[in-house]
Amino acid sequence: MGTKEAVGFEEEELLELEMILVDEDRDAALDFLKRAVWKKVEQARRGRLKGHLDSGATDPVRAFQKEQREK
């Protein structure tokens, strides 16, 4: 299964998306995907990769598993 990303939208973006759907405007839909959705997905990926590689923090899943085994 692939990676999952969640993106949030401002009220203005939700209204724009609703107008695109009501108007069935394919050009505006593609523009919205590129500008609003894909841009946020890329930002989330960059943020996650940077945080994971550069944080120096321990793996929270492994820490939890180790804690559970010790109980």
N, C-alpha and C. Protein backbone atom coordinates (compact mmCIF):
# COMPACT_ATOMS: atom_id res chain seq x y z
N MET A 1 0.84 -1.18 0.00
CA MET A 1 0.00 0.00 0.00
C MET A 1 0.88 1.24 0.00
N GLY A 2 0.44 2.29 -0.63
CA GLY A 2 1.22 3.50 -0.78
C GLY A 2 1.19 4.38 0.46
N THR A 3 1.95 5.44 0.37
CA THR A 3 2.02 6.42 1.45
C THR A 3 0.74 7.25 1.46
N LYS A 4 0.30 7.59 2.64
CA LYS A 4 -0.90 8.41 2.79
C LYS A 4 -0.49 9.80 3.24
N GLU A 5 -1.13 10.78 2.69
CA GLU A 5 -0.91 12.17 3.08
C GLU A 5 -2.26 12.80 3.38
N ALA A 6 -2.29 13.66 4.37
CA ALA A 6 -3.49 14.43 4.69
C ALA A 6 -3.17 15.90 4.48
N VAL A 7 -4.08 16.60 3.84
CA VAL A 7 -3.89 18.03 3.63
C VAL A 7 -5.10 18.77 4.17
N GLY A 8 -4.85 19.96 4.65
CA GLY A 8 -5.93 20.80 5.16
C GLY A 8 -6.18 21.96 4.21
N PHE A 9 -7.40 22.44 4.20
CA PHE A 9 -7.76 23.54 3.32
C PHE A 9 -8.32 24.70 4.12
N GLU A 10 -7.99 25.88 3.67
CA GLU A 10 -8.58 27.09 4.24
C GLU A 10 -10.02 27.19 3.72
N GLU A 11 -10.83 27.98 4.40
CA GLU A 11 -12.23 28.17 4.00
C GLU A 11 -12.34 28.65 2.55
N GLU A 12 -11.45 29.57 2.17
CA GLU A 12 -11.46 30.11 0.81
C GLU A 12 -11.20 29.01 -0.23
N GLU A 13 -10.28 28.10 0.10
CA GLU A 13 -9.98 26.99 -0.82
C GLU A 13 -11.16 26.03 -0.94
N LEU A 14 -11.85 25.79 0.16
CA LEU A 14 -13.02 24.91 0.12
C LEU A 14 -14.14 25.51 -0.73
N LEU A 15 -14.32 26.82 -0.62
CA LEU A 15 -15.32 27.49 -1.44
C LEU A 15 -14.95 27.41 -2.92
N GLU A 16 -13.66 27.60 -3.21
CA GLU A 16 -13.19 27.50 -4.59
C GLU A 16 -13.42 26.09 -5.13
N LEU A 17 -13.11 25.09 -4.32
CA LEU A 17 -13.33 23.70 -4.73
C LEU A 17 -14.80 23.43 -5.00
N GLU A 18 -15.66 23.93 -4.14
CA GLU A 18 -17.10 23.75 -4.34
C GLU A 18 -17.56 24.41 -5.64
N MET A 19 -17.06 25.60 -5.94
CA MET A 19 -17.43 26.28 -7.19
C MET A 19 -16.96 25.47 -8.40
N ILE A 20 -15.76 24.93 -8.32
CA ILE A 20 -15.24 24.11 -9.42
C ILE A 20 -16.13 22.91 -9.66
N LEU A 21 -16.54 22.25 -8.58
CA LEU A 21 -17.40 21.08 -8.72
C LEU A 21 -18.78 21.43 -9.27
N VAL A 22 -19.35 22.51 -8.78
CA VAL A 22 -20.67 22.93 -9.27
C VAL A 22 -20.61 23.31 -10.75
N ASP A 23 -19.55 24.03 -11.13
CA ASP A 23 -19.39 24.48 -12.52
C ASP A 23 -18.86 23.38 -13.45
N GLU A 24 -18.36 22.29 -12.85
CA GLU A 24 -17.72 21.22 -13.61
C GLU A 24 -16.63 21.78 -14.52
N ASP A 25 -15.81 22.65 -13.95
CA ASP A 25 -14.75 23.34 -14.68
C ASP A 25 -13.45 22.53 -14.61
N ARG A 26 -13.16 21.80 -15.69
CA ARG A 26 -11.99 20.91 -15.71
C ARG A 26 -10.68 21.69 -15.64
N ASP A 27 -10.58 22.80 -16.33
CA ASP A 27 -9.35 23.59 -16.30
C ASP A 27 -9.07 24.13 -14.90
N ALA A 28 -10.11 24.64 -14.26
CA ALA A 28 -9.95 25.16 -12.90
C ALA A 28 -9.62 24.03 -11.93
N ALA A 29 -10.19 22.85 -12.18
CA ALA A 29 -9.91 21.70 -11.31
C ALA A 29 -8.44 21.31 -11.39
N LEU A 30 -7.90 21.25 -12.59
CA LEU A 30 -6.48 20.91 -12.75
C LEU A 30 -5.61 21.97 -12.09
N ASP A 31 -5.93 23.22 -12.28
CA ASP A 31 -5.17 24.30 -11.65
C ASP A 31 -5.23 24.19 -10.13
N PHE A 32 -6.40 23.90 -9.59
CA PHE A 32 -6.57 23.75 -8.14
C PHE A 32 -5.74 22.58 -7.62
N LEU A 33 -5.74 21.47 -8.35
CA LEU A 33 -4.94 20.31 -7.94
C LEU A 33 -3.46 20.66 -7.88
N LYS A 34 -2.99 21.33 -8.91
CA LYS A 34 -1.58 21.69 -8.95
C LYS A 34 -1.22 22.71 -7.88
N ARG A 35 -2.05 23.72 -7.74
CA ARG A 35 -1.73 24.84 -6.86
C ARG A 35 -2.03 24.54 -5.39
N ALA A 36 -3.18 24.00 -5.11
CA ALA A 36 -3.60 23.83 -3.72
C ALA A 36 -3.27 22.44 -3.16
N VAL A 37 -3.59 21.41 -3.91
CA VAL A 37 -3.44 20.06 -3.37
C VAL A 37 -2.00 19.57 -3.50
N TRP A 38 -1.48 19.52 -4.70
CA TRP A 38 -0.15 18.95 -4.90
C TRP A 38 0.93 19.73 -4.14
N LYS A 39 0.81 21.03 -4.12
CA LYS A 39 1.78 21.86 -3.40
C LYS A 39 1.82 21.47 -1.92
N LYS A 40 0.65 21.24 -1.33
CA LYS A 40 0.59 20.86 0.08
C LYS A 40 1.13 19.45 0.31
N VAL A 41 0.88 18.55 -0.63
CA VAL A 41 1.42 17.19 -0.51
C VAL A 41 2.94 17.24 -0.55
N GLU A 42 3.49 18.00 -1.49
CA GLU A 42 4.94 18.12 -1.57
C GLU A 42 5.53 18.73 -0.30
N GLN A 43 4.87 19.73 0.25
CA GLN A 43 5.35 20.36 1.48
C GLN A 43 5.32 19.36 2.63
N ALA A 44 4.27 18.56 2.71
CA ALA A 44 4.17 17.56 3.77
C ALA A 44 5.27 16.52 3.62
N ARG A 45 5.53 16.09 2.41
CA ARG A 45 6.60 15.12 2.19
C ARG A 45 7.96 15.68 2.57
N ARG A 46 8.23 16.89 2.14
CA ARG A 46 9.52 17.51 2.48
C ARG A 46 9.66 17.67 3.98
N GLY A 47 8.61 18.11 4.62
CA GLY A 47 8.65 18.30 6.07
C GLY A 47 8.86 17.00 6.82
N ARG A 48 8.19 15.96 6.39
CA ARG A 48 8.32 14.66 7.05
C ARG A 48 9.72 14.09 6.83
N LEU A 49 10.22 14.15 5.60
CA LEU A 49 11.55 13.61 5.32
C LEU A 49 12.62 14.36 6.08
N LYS A 50 12.53 15.67 6.09
CA LYS A 50 13.52 16.47 6.80
C LYS A 50 13.46 16.15 8.29
N GLY A 51 12.27 16.11 8.85
CA GLY A 51 12.14 15.82 10.26
C GLY A 51 12.65 14.43 10.61
N HIS A 52 12.38 13.47 9.78
CA HIS A 52 12.79 12.10 10.05
C HIS A 52 14.30 11.94 9.94
N LEU A 53 14.89 12.54 8.94
CA LEU A 53 16.32 12.36 8.72
C LEU A 53 17.18 13.28 9.58
N ASP A 54 16.69 14.46 9.86
CA ASP A 54 17.52 15.44 10.54
C ASP A 54 17.23 15.60 12.03
N SER A 55 16.19 15.00 12.52
CA SER A 55 15.79 15.26 13.90
C SER A 55 16.71 14.60 14.91
N GLY A 56 17.27 13.45 14.58
CA GLY A 56 18.10 12.73 15.52
C GLY A 56 17.30 12.06 16.63
N ALA A 57 15.99 12.14 16.54
CA ALA A 57 15.13 11.53 17.55
C ALA A 57 15.06 10.02 17.35
N THR A 58 14.72 9.33 18.42
CA THR A 58 14.56 7.89 18.32
C THR A 58 13.25 7.57 17.60
N ASP A 59 13.16 6.35 17.13
CA ASP A 59 11.96 5.89 16.44
C ASP A 59 10.86 5.66 17.47
N PRO A 60 9.77 6.42 17.44
CA PRO A 60 8.73 6.28 18.46
C PRO A 60 8.06 4.92 18.44
N VAL A 61 7.95 4.29 17.28
CA VAL A 61 7.32 2.97 17.20
C VAL A 61 8.18 1.94 17.92
N ARG A 62 9.46 1.94 17.62
CA ARG A 62 10.36 0.99 18.28
C ARG A 62 10.42 1.24 19.78
N ALA A 63 10.43 2.49 20.19
CA ALA A 63 10.44 2.80 21.62
C ALA A 63 9.19 2.26 22.29
N PHE A 64 8.04 2.40 21.64
CA PHE A 64 6.79 1.88 22.19
C PHE A 64 6.82 0.35 22.27
N GLN A 65 7.28 -0.29 21.19
CA GLN A 65 7.36 -1.75 21.19
C GLN A 65 8.28 -2.27 22.28
N LYS A 66 9.41 -1.61 22.44
CA LYS A 66 10.35 -2.02 23.48
C LYS A 66 9.71 -1.86 24.86
N GLU A 67 9.01 -0.77 25.06
CA GLU A 67 8.35 -0.53 26.35
C GLU A 67 7.29 -1.60 26.62
N GLN A 68 6.57 -2.00 25.58
CA GLN A 68 5.53 -3.02 25.75
C GLN A 68 6.14 -4.39 26.08
N ARG A 69 7.27 -4.71 25.48
CA ARG A 69 7.94 -5.99 25.76
C ARG A 69 8.45 -6.05 27.17
N GLU A 70 8.86 -4.91 27.70
CA GLU A 70 9.42 -4.86 29.05
C GLU A 70 8.36 -4.96 30.13
N LYS A 71 7.11 -4.80 29.80
CA LYS A 71 6.03 -4.85 30.80
C LYS A 71 5.73 -6.27 31.21
